[in-house]
Amino acid sequence: MIEKNVKPAKVSTYFESKKPSDVRLGSIKVEKRTDSVELINCAIGNVSLPMYPKMIERLQNLGQSFGGFEQGVVKYEATVGNPETIAAFKNILKHEGFDSSNLHVQVTDGASLAMEVAMLGICGGPGEDDRPLLMFDPTYTNYNSVARRLGRKTVTVNRTLDENGHFTFPSIEEIEKVILEEQPGGMLIIPYDNPTGQMYEYEMMLAIAELCVKHNLWLLSDEAYRGLFYDEHRELISIWGLTDEEVPGIEGRRISLESASKVWNACGLRIGALITDNKEFAEKAEAEYTTNLSANSIGQHIFGALAHESKEEIVGWLKQSRNYYRQINRELYQALKKTNPDFLVSQPESSIYLVVDVKNIVGPDFDSVDFVSYCAEHGRVVVDGVPMTLLAAPMTGFYNKVNGQVNPGNTQIRLSFCETIDKLKYIPVLLDALLKDYETQRFA
């Protein structure tokens, strides 16, 4: 017999404080709507393009004589990954112009899980402040979430969006000042940056590498968007292009996060990798990943098709992808500025996002999280006879360190280029109209 005054089960303090990721916030809230409205979902980099052709072939022929799949048998792979999948990651790097012969690959369920493993190997213990990960604000919000999940500390150096639509980049002196103050265990760079769209200059990567050697830091690079850049005169860059010849001591401290999601248009496969040139780090990463048993077998098999592709095929695919996103990037920027000249719009050099700051339009105390929630729950604009709303990512959670000032993300939203072209054209008019509707009801 149960007593009447039994207390309800209590979730942890961590769960009590947990909120949805900013990139998923709108998608979760819109599910509760009961009216019919077409969604233009630019909140997340959920690529709508078909995968690489040989990967599509493997998907379509999944049940035809491969490792038992045709009989419905789906076993675990080795913890480190399927040999063919490992070869695929190395083959991509090789054909992009980098020496992958001495690299160690740990296949993971997506790059976010690779980031978890990397943080566990770089940072201090859970709940401790020692050896934090140094990042650049604004930074991909999920990495902040990963750090909180693991109980690891992050520290940041600030970047700001100027009036010309360009994000500033801190000087080496500013970065070193934070290193000396915070004593991080490693530094995260995103050479084709999410969310700012910055593409690192090779000279800056060299300078950062020198700092890592000087202060004995791991150099961690998120290379999910490697190859997606828009200046035809630039060359593909990677931490795997840094060597001891240029920066003595950099070899043996490099780690990259890899993904099937963006360049290869395979978000739902959830295949990523942690790659390193440090044998001990690789062995410990594999030991850590035994807790997960292995990354998913079917996704690895599909991605494994890239192990057999030539340089011409790999480079050709990258060029095709760059051309596609370059056109979208240019047209979307122009359309946003034409629709409302007061939009402060970033001008991405790479990656698949742009940032819109609406600070010159909105009233005081504007909150991008609340605006995104409004669009998801109530937003409704009739365009071409169809009721629509726009999902975007509020930038508030992309910033960590605001030095006691107002978070610049409060008036900024990130838009991805990942919807189909026929839907992307509605972004400017939807954003403008939804902002006006939101501000009208906010001050009613």
Protein backbone atom coordinates (compact mmCIF):
# COMPACT_ATOMS: atom_id res chain seq x y z
CA MET A 1 0.00 0.00 0.00
CA ILE A 2 1.42 3.40 -1.08
CA GLU A 3 1.26 6.25 1.39
CA LYS A 4 -0.49 9.43 0.27
CA ASN A 5 2.46 11.73 0.99
CA VAL A 6 5.13 9.85 -0.94
CA LYS A 7 7.55 12.28 -2.54
CA PRO A 8 7.91 12.18 -6.33
CA ALA A 9 11.15 10.91 -7.83
CA LYS A 10 13.62 13.77 -8.20
CA VAL A 11 15.79 14.34 -11.25
CA SER A 12 19.41 15.41 -10.83
CA THR A 13 20.47 19.02 -10.50
CA TYR A 14 22.06 18.72 -13.95
CA PHE A 15 18.75 17.56 -15.47
CA GLU A 16 16.85 20.29 -13.63
CA SER A 17 18.98 22.94 -15.29
CA LYS A 18 19.05 21.30 -18.74
CA LYS A 19 17.52 23.11 -21.70
CA PRO A 20 17.41 22.05 -25.36
CA SER A 21 20.37 22.89 -27.56
CA ASP A 22 19.90 26.20 -29.37
CA VAL A 23 20.11 24.41 -32.72
CA ARG A 24 17.22 22.10 -31.75
CA LEU A 25 15.12 24.53 -29.70
CA GLY A 26 12.75 25.57 -32.49
CA SER A 27 12.33 22.01 -33.80
CA ILE A 28 11.23 20.78 -30.38
CA LYS A 29 8.79 23.62 -29.81
CA VAL A 30 7.21 23.50 -33.27
CA GLU A 31 6.21 19.85 -32.74
CA LYS A 32 3.55 21.04 -30.29
CA ARG A 33 1.72 23.19 -32.85
CA THR A 34 -1.73 22.08 -33.89
CA ASP A 35 -2.17 24.37 -36.90
CA SER A 36 -0.80 23.69 -40.35
CA VAL A 37 2.27 25.71 -41.29
CA GLU A 38 5.19 25.02 -43.62
CA LEU A 39 8.56 25.05 -41.89
CA ILE A 40 11.65 26.61 -43.38
CA ASN A 41 14.17 24.99 -41.04
CA CYS A 42 17.45 26.88 -41.00
CA ALA A 43 18.17 26.22 -37.34
CA ILE A 44 20.47 23.26 -37.87
CA GLY A 45 22.97 22.11 -40.47
CA ASN A 46 20.73 19.24 -41.55
CA VAL A 47 21.91 18.93 -45.15
CA SER A 48 19.07 18.24 -47.63
CA LEU A 49 21.32 17.25 -50.55
CA PRO A 50 21.87 13.61 -51.65
CA MET A 51 24.92 11.81 -50.32
CA TYR A 52 28.02 11.09 -52.37
CA PRO A 53 26.90 8.76 -55.25
CA LYS A 54 28.89 5.69 -54.18
CA MET A 55 27.45 6.03 -50.68
CA ILE A 56 23.94 6.12 -52.19
CA GLU A 57 24.72 2.91 -54.07
CA ARG A 58 25.70 1.19 -50.83
CA LEU A 59 22.55 2.40 -49.13
CA GLN A 60 20.35 1.13 -51.96
CA ASN A 61 22.13 -2.24 -52.07
CA LEU A 62 22.44 -2.68 -48.33
CA GLY A 63 20.73 -6.07 -48.31
CA GLN A 64 22.82 -7.61 -51.04
CA SER A 65 25.61 -9.86 -49.77
CA PHE A 66 27.70 -7.75 -47.45
CA GLY A 67 28.84 -9.02 -44.07
CA GLY A 68 25.52 -10.65 -43.23
CA PHE A 69 23.34 -7.59 -43.82
CA GLU A 70 21.45 -9.51 -46.50
CA GLN A 71 20.42 -12.02 -43.83
CA GLY A 72 19.44 -9.35 -41.33
CA VAL A 73 22.61 -9.78 -39.27
CA VAL A 74 24.02 -6.51 -37.93
CA LYS A 75 26.96 -7.13 -35.59
CA TYR A 76 29.14 -4.76 -33.65
CA GLU A 77 32.23 -3.55 -35.44
CA ALA A 78 35.62 -3.34 -33.77
CA THR A 79 35.69 -0.52 -31.21
CA VAL A 80 38.26 1.44 -33.20
CA GLY A 81 36.10 1.12 -36.30
CA ASN A 82 35.64 -0.96 -39.45
CA PRO A 83 39.00 -1.13 -41.31
CA GLU A 84 37.32 0.10 -44.49
CA THR A 85 35.79 3.07 -42.68
CA ILE A 86 39.16 3.96 -41.18
CA ALA A 87 40.64 3.72 -44.68
CA ALA A 88 37.90 6.05 -45.97
CA PHE A 89 38.85 8.84 -43.58
CA LYS A 90 42.52 8.42 -44.46
CA ASN A 91 41.78 8.28 -48.20
CA ILE A 92 39.92 11.59 -48.07
CA LEU A 93 42.83 13.31 -46.33
CA LYS A 94 45.36 11.80 -48.72
CA HIS A 95 43.50 13.02 -51.79
CA GLU A 96 43.05 16.46 -50.23
CA GLY A 97 46.85 16.68 -50.18
CA PHE A 98 47.75 15.63 -46.64
CA ASP A 99 49.92 12.77 -45.41
CA SER A 100 47.59 10.36 -43.61
CA SER A 101 49.94 7.37 -43.49
CA ASN A 102 50.90 7.74 -39.83
CA LEU A 103 47.55 8.90 -38.47
CA HIS A 104 45.38 6.98 -36.01
CA VAL A 105 41.60 6.94 -36.57
CA GLN A 106 38.93 6.27 -33.95
CA VAL A 107 35.54 5.99 -35.66
CA THR A 108 32.71 7.49 -33.59
CA ASP A 109 28.95 8.01 -33.72
CA GLY A 110 29.23 11.51 -35.16
CA ALA A 111 31.74 14.30 -34.56
CA SER A 112 29.99 15.42 -31.37
CA LEU A 113 30.84 12.12 -29.73
CA ALA A 114 34.39 12.47 -31.03
CA MET A 115 34.44 15.81 -29.22
CA GLU A 116 33.41 14.10 -25.98
CA VAL A 117 36.29 11.67 -26.26
CA ALA A 118 38.70 14.49 -27.13
CA MET A 119 37.67 16.56 -24.09
CA LEU A 120 38.08 13.55 -21.82
CA GLY A 121 41.64 13.17 -23.09
CA ILE A 122 42.58 16.85 -22.99
CA CYS A 123 40.90 18.42 -19.97
CA GLY A 124 41.18 17.93 -16.23
CA GLY A 125 38.87 15.72 -14.19
CA PRO A 126 35.08 16.12 -13.88
CA GLY A 127 34.10 19.17 -11.88
CA GLU A 128 37.69 20.41 -11.82
CA ASP A 129 38.87 23.74 -13.20
CA ASP A 130 42.32 22.61 -14.28
CA ARG A 131 43.30 22.10 -17.93
CA PRO A 132 40.18 23.67 -19.51
CA LEU A 133 39.63 23.70 -23.27
CA LEU A 134 40.34 27.06 -24.89
CA MET A 135 37.82 28.07 -27.59
CA PHE A 136 36.89 31.20 -29.55
CA ASP A 137 33.58 32.96 -28.90
CA PRO A 138 31.16 32.61 -30.57
CA THR A 139 31.67 28.88 -30.88
CA TYR A 140 29.47 25.93 -31.80
CA THR A 141 26.97 25.78 -28.95
CA ASN A 142 26.90 21.98 -28.73
CA TYR A 143 30.53 21.98 -27.63
CA ASN A 144 29.53 24.03 -24.60
CA SER A 145 26.84 21.45 -23.93
CA VAL A 146 29.33 18.60 -24.25
CA ALA A 147 31.61 20.28 -21.72
CA ARG A 148 28.75 20.70 -19.25
CA ARG A 149 27.67 17.08 -19.73
CA LEU A 150 31.20 15.91 -18.94
CA GLY A 151 31.76 18.39 -16.13
CA ARG A 152 34.74 19.89 -17.97
CA LYS A 153 35.61 23.56 -18.06
CA THR A 154 35.98 25.73 -21.16
CA VAL A 155 37.49 29.19 -21.50
CA THR A 156 37.17 31.55 -24.43
CA VAL A 157 38.66 34.45 -26.34
CA ASN A 158 36.14 36.86 -27.81
CA ARG A 159 35.30 37.65 -31.43
CA THR A 160 32.78 40.31 -32.44
CA LEU A 161 30.68 40.98 -35.54
CA ASP A 162 31.62 44.39 -36.98
CA GLU A 163 29.35 46.73 -38.93
CA ASN A 164 30.68 45.40 -42.25
CA GLY A 165 29.55 41.86 -41.52
CA HIS A 166 32.98 40.48 -40.63
CA PHE A 167 33.89 38.74 -37.39
CA THR A 168 37.08 39.98 -35.80
CA PHE A 169 39.80 37.51 -34.86
CA PRO A 170 41.82 37.92 -31.66
CA SER A 171 45.51 38.66 -31.85
CA ILE A 172 48.10 36.11 -30.82
CA GLU A 173 48.85 38.35 -27.83
CA GLU A 174 45.21 38.18 -26.69
CA ILE A 175 45.18 34.40 -27.05
CA GLU A 176 48.42 33.99 -25.15
CA LYS A 177 47.15 36.23 -22.35
CA VAL A 178 44.21 33.86 -21.80
CA ILE A 179 46.55 30.85 -21.96
CA LEU A 180 48.72 32.32 -19.21
CA GLU A 181 45.68 33.19 -17.08
CA GLU A 182 43.68 30.00 -17.51
CA GLN A 183 46.33 27.30 -18.15
CA PRO A 184 44.25 25.28 -20.64
CA GLY A 185 45.05 21.71 -21.64
CA GLY A 186 44.29 22.31 -25.31
CA MET A 187 42.97 24.75 -27.87
CA LEU A 188 40.03 24.18 -30.23
CA ILE A 189 40.05 25.74 -33.68
CA ILE A 190 37.42 25.44 -36.43
CA PRO A 191 39.31 26.42 -39.61
CA TYR A 192 36.05 26.62 -41.61
CA ASP A 193 34.21 28.14 -38.74
CA ASN A 194 30.79 27.35 -37.34
CA PRO A 195 29.01 29.73 -36.69
CA THR A 196 31.02 32.73 -37.96
CA GLY A 197 31.95 31.43 -41.42
CA GLN A 198 35.53 32.62 -40.92
CA MET A 199 38.21 30.72 -42.81
CA TYR A 200 41.50 30.71 -40.98
CA GLU A 201 44.54 32.13 -42.69
CA TYR A 202 47.34 29.56 -42.84
CA GLU A 203 49.68 32.02 -41.12
CA MET A 204 47.25 32.24 -38.21
CA MET A 205 47.15 28.45 -37.94
CA LEU A 206 50.95 28.42 -37.83
CA ALA A 207 50.97 31.05 -35.06
CA ILE A 208 48.37 29.09 -33.07
CA ALA A 209 50.40 25.90 -33.54
CA GLU A 210 53.48 27.69 -32.21
CA LEU A 211 51.49 28.76 -29.12
CA CYS A 212 50.41 25.16 -28.54
CA VAL A 213 54.00 23.94 -28.65
CA LYS A 214 55.26 26.82 -26.49
CA HIS A 215 52.66 26.21 -23.77
CA ASN A 216 52.42 22.41 -24.18
CA LEU A 217 48.79 22.32 -25.40
CA TRP A 218 46.93 19.85 -27.56
CA LEU A 219 45.78 21.37 -30.85
CA LEU A 220 42.22 20.21 -31.55
CA SER A 221 40.64 21.06 -34.90
CA ASP A 222 37.00 20.60 -35.92
CA GLU A 223 37.30 19.83 -39.63
CA ALA A 224 33.70 18.87 -40.39
CA TYR A 225 33.52 21.59 -43.07
CA ARG A 226 36.99 21.08 -44.53
CA GLY A 227 36.93 22.08 -48.18
CA LEU A 228 33.80 24.26 -48.02
CA PHE A 229 35.18 27.74 -48.72
CA TYR A 230 34.21 30.40 -51.23
CA ASP A 231 37.29 32.34 -52.32
CA GLU A 232 38.55 30.59 -55.44
CA HIS A 233 42.05 31.92 -54.78
CA ARG A 234 42.35 30.25 -51.37
CA GLU A 235 43.73 26.76 -50.86
CA LEU A 236 42.40 23.96 -48.69
CA ILE A 237 43.88 24.10 -45.17
CA SER A 238 44.03 21.65 -42.28
CA ILE A 239 46.04 20.99 -39.15
CA TRP A 240 47.32 18.01 -41.11
CA GLY A 241 49.21 20.46 -43.28
CA LEU A 242 51.23 21.61 -40.24
CA THR A 243 54.52 19.80 -39.74
CA ASP A 244 57.61 19.86 -37.53
CA GLU A 245 59.49 21.48 -40.40
CA GLU A 246 57.40 24.65 -39.97
CA VAL A 247 56.52 24.32 -36.28
CA PRO A 248 58.98 22.06 -34.43
CA GLY A 249 57.07 20.01 -31.87
CA ILE A 250 53.60 20.25 -33.41
CA GLU A 251 53.60 16.65 -34.55
CA GLY A 252 52.30 14.35 -31.83
CA ARG A 253 49.88 16.92 -30.37
CA ARG A 254 47.38 17.21 -33.25
CA ILE A 255 43.78 15.95 -33.08
CA SER A 256 40.99 16.48 -35.61
CA LEU A 257 37.26 15.90 -35.47
CA GLU A 258 35.85 14.47 -38.69
CA SER A 259 32.29 13.95 -39.92
CA ALA A 260 30.26 12.33 -42.67
CA SER A 261 27.53 14.90 -42.09
CA LYS A 262 28.41 18.06 -43.95
CA VAL A 263 30.78 17.65 -46.90
CA TRP A 264 29.40 14.17 -47.66
CA ASN A 265 25.73 15.11 -47.02
CA ALA A 266 25.16 12.24 -44.58
CA CYS A 267 23.96 13.83 -41.34
CA GLY A 268 21.70 10.91 -40.42
CA LEU A 269 24.45 8.29 -40.71
CA ARG A 270 25.94 9.65 -37.47
CA ILE A 271 29.46 8.70 -38.48
CA GLY A 272 32.45 10.73 -37.38
CA ALA A 273 36.00 10.18 -36.25
CA LEU A 274 38.70 11.38 -33.92
CA ILE A 275 42.02 11.40 -35.79
CA THR A 276 45.36 11.98 -34.09
CA ASP A 277 49.07 11.63 -34.72
CA ASN A 278 49.67 10.68 -31.09
CA LYS A 279 49.75 6.90 -30.56
CA GLU A 280 49.09 7.06 -26.81
CA PHE A 281 46.13 9.41 -27.25
CA ALA A 282 44.71 7.07 -29.91
CA GLU A 283 45.09 3.99 -27.69
CA LYS A 284 43.39 5.71 -24.76
CA ALA A 285 40.62 7.03 -27.03
CA GLU A 286 39.94 3.48 -28.17
CA ALA A 287 39.92 2.30 -24.55
CA GLU A 288 37.42 5.05 -23.68
CA TYR A 289 35.24 4.15 -26.66
CA THR A 290 34.92 0.54 -25.52
CA THR A 291 32.17 1.92 -23.27
CA ASN A 292 30.21 2.63 -26.47
CA LEU A 293 31.22 -0.77 -27.89
CA SER A 294 31.43 0.56 -31.45
CA ALA A 295 30.03 3.11 -33.88
CA ASN A 296 27.03 1.91 -35.88
CA SER A 297 27.81 -0.79 -38.41
CA ILE A 298 25.46 0.24 -41.22
CA GLY A 299 26.63 3.85 -41.24
CA GLN A 300 30.25 2.72 -41.31
CA HIS A 301 29.59 0.43 -44.27
CA ILE A 302 27.95 3.22 -46.27
CA PHE A 303 30.71 5.74 -45.52
CA GLY A 304 33.32 3.08 -46.27
CA ALA A 305 32.66 3.55 -49.99
CA LEU A 306 34.98 6.55 -49.85
CA ALA A 307 37.95 4.29 -49.14
CA HIS A 308 38.07 3.39 -52.84
CA GLU A 309 37.62 6.78 -54.51
CA SER A 310 40.31 8.49 -56.57
CA LYS A 311 41.79 11.94 -56.09
CA GLU A 312 39.83 13.21 -59.10
CA GLU A 313 36.56 11.99 -57.58
CA ILE A 314 37.24 13.39 -54.11
CA VAL A 315 38.49 16.77 -55.36
CA GLY A 316 35.69 16.97 -57.92
CA TRP A 317 33.07 16.44 -55.23
CA LEU A 318 34.58 19.17 -53.05
CA LYS A 319 34.57 21.61 -55.95
CA GLN A 320 30.94 20.80 -56.76
CA SER A 321 29.92 21.36 -53.13
CA ARG A 322 31.82 24.65 -52.92
CA ASN A 323 30.16 25.96 -56.05
CA TYR A 324 26.72 25.04 -54.76
CA TYR A 325 27.10 26.74 -51.38
CA ARG A 326 29.01 29.72 -52.81
CA GLN A 327 26.01 30.66 -54.94
CA ILE A 328 23.58 30.26 -52.05
CA ASN A 329 25.83 32.27 -49.75
CA ARG A 330 26.03 35.20 -52.19
CA GLU A 331 22.34 35.25 -53.12
CA LEU A 332 21.07 34.90 -49.55
CA TYR A 333 23.29 37.73 -48.32
CA GLN A 334 22.10 40.03 -51.10
CA ALA A 335 18.45 39.12 -50.57
CA LEU A 336 18.62 39.76 -46.83
CA LYS A 337 20.21 43.19 -47.32
CA LYS A 338 17.72 44.08 -50.04
CA THR A 339 14.74 43.04 -47.91
CA ASN A 340 15.91 45.05 -44.92
CA PRO A 341 19.08 47.16 -45.22
CA ASP A 342 19.19 47.38 -41.41
CA PHE A 343 19.95 43.68 -41.10
CA LEU A 344 23.59 43.31 -40.05
CA VAL A 345 24.52 40.19 -42.01
CA SER A 346 27.79 38.30 -41.75
CA GLN A 347 29.73 37.56 -44.92
CA PRO A 348 30.91 33.94 -44.56
CA GLU A 349 34.15 32.85 -46.19
CA SER A 350 33.43 29.19 -45.49
CA SER A 351 31.09 26.68 -43.83
CA ILE A 352 27.31 26.71 -44.39
CA TYR A 353 25.92 29.37 -42.05
CA LEU A 354 25.50 33.09 -41.81
CA VAL A 355 24.68 35.24 -38.80
CA VAL A 356 22.10 38.04 -38.79
CA ASP A 357 22.26 40.67 -36.07
CA VAL A 358 18.97 42.54 -35.70
CA LYS A 359 20.18 45.04 -33.09
CA ASN A 360 19.50 48.00 -35.42
CA ILE A 361 15.86 46.97 -35.84
CA VAL A 362 14.51 45.66 -32.56
CA GLY A 363 13.52 47.37 -29.36
CA PRO A 364 15.27 47.10 -25.99
CA ASP A 365 15.62 43.76 -24.21
CA PHE A 366 15.18 41.74 -27.39
CA ASP A 367 15.88 38.07 -26.69
CA SER A 368 16.83 35.84 -29.64
CA VAL A 369 15.85 32.70 -27.72
CA ASP A 370 12.36 34.08 -27.10
CA PHE A 371 12.10 35.20 -30.74
CA VAL A 372 13.05 31.75 -32.04
CA SER A 373 10.51 30.21 -29.66
CA TYR A 374 7.84 32.62 -30.91
CA CYS A 375 8.55 31.69 -34.53
CA ALA A 376 8.30 27.99 -33.69
CA GLU A 377 5.18 28.19 -31.53
CA HIS A 378 3.17 31.05 -33.04
CA GLY A 379 4.93 32.44 -36.12
CA ARG A 380 2.75 32.50 -39.23
CA VAL A 381 3.39 34.46 -42.43
CA VAL A 382 1.42 33.79 -45.60
CA VAL A 383 3.75 33.81 -48.61
CA ASP A 384 2.53 32.83 -52.08
CA GLY A 385 -0.69 31.70 -50.45
CA VAL A 386 1.07 29.31 -48.04
CA PRO A 387 1.34 29.87 -44.26
CA MET A 388 4.99 29.56 -43.25
CA THR A 389 7.37 30.07 -40.36
CA LEU A 390 11.13 30.18 -40.03
CA LEU A 391 13.23 28.14 -37.64
CA ALA A 392 16.64 29.59 -36.74
CA ALA A 393 19.24 29.13 -34.01
CA PRO A 394 19.53 31.89 -31.37
CA MET A 395 23.16 32.87 -30.91
CA THR A 396 22.97 33.45 -27.16
CA GLY A 397 24.30 29.98 -26.35
CA PHE A 398 27.20 30.33 -28.81
CA TYR A 399 28.87 32.83 -26.46
CA ASN A 400 30.54 31.91 -23.15
CA LYS A 401 32.52 34.90 -22.02
CA VAL A 402 30.80 38.28 -22.19
CA ASN A 403 32.81 40.08 -19.47
CA GLY A 404 29.75 41.24 -17.56
CA GLN A 405 28.28 42.92 -20.64
CA VAL A 406 25.11 42.12 -22.55
CA ASN A 407 25.48 38.89 -24.51
CA PRO A 408 25.82 39.91 -28.20
CA GLY A 409 23.97 36.72 -29.11
CA ASN A 410 20.79 38.21 -27.65
CA THR A 411 20.19 40.01 -30.95
CA GLN A 412 21.85 37.50 -33.28
CA ILE A 413 20.53 34.40 -35.01
CA ARG A 414 22.32 31.79 -37.09
CA LEU A 415 20.81 30.62 -40.38
CA SER A 416 21.99 27.48 -42.15
CA PHE A 417 22.05 27.00 -45.94
CA CYS A 418 20.74 23.46 -45.62
CA GLU A 419 17.14 23.70 -46.83
CA THR A 420 16.38 23.08 -50.47
CA ILE A 421 16.89 26.04 -52.81
CA ASP A 422 13.15 26.45 -53.39
CA LYS A 423 12.72 27.01 -49.63
CA LEU A 424 15.82 29.12 -48.98
CA LYS A 425 14.40 31.94 -51.13
CA TYR A 426 11.72 32.59 -48.48
CA ILE A 427 14.19 33.30 -45.65
CA PRO A 428 14.52 37.11 -46.05
CA VAL A 429 10.80 37.90 -46.25
CA LEU A 430 9.98 35.48 -43.44
CA LEU A 431 12.64 36.86 -41.11
CA ASP A 432 11.59 40.44 -41.76
CA ALA A 433 7.88 39.76 -41.31
CA LEU A 434 8.28 37.55 -38.24
CA LEU A 435 10.49 40.13 -36.55
CA LYS A 436 7.85 42.81 -37.11
CA ASP A 437 5.08 40.53 -35.82
CA TYR A 438 7.13 39.59 -32.78
CA GLU A 439 8.02 43.16 -31.91
CA THR A 440 4.40 44.26 -32.37
CA GLN A 441 3.07 41.68 -29.93
CA ARG A 442 5.99 42.28 -27.53
CA PHE A 443 5.12 45.94 -27.11
CA ALA A 444 1.34 45.59 -27.45
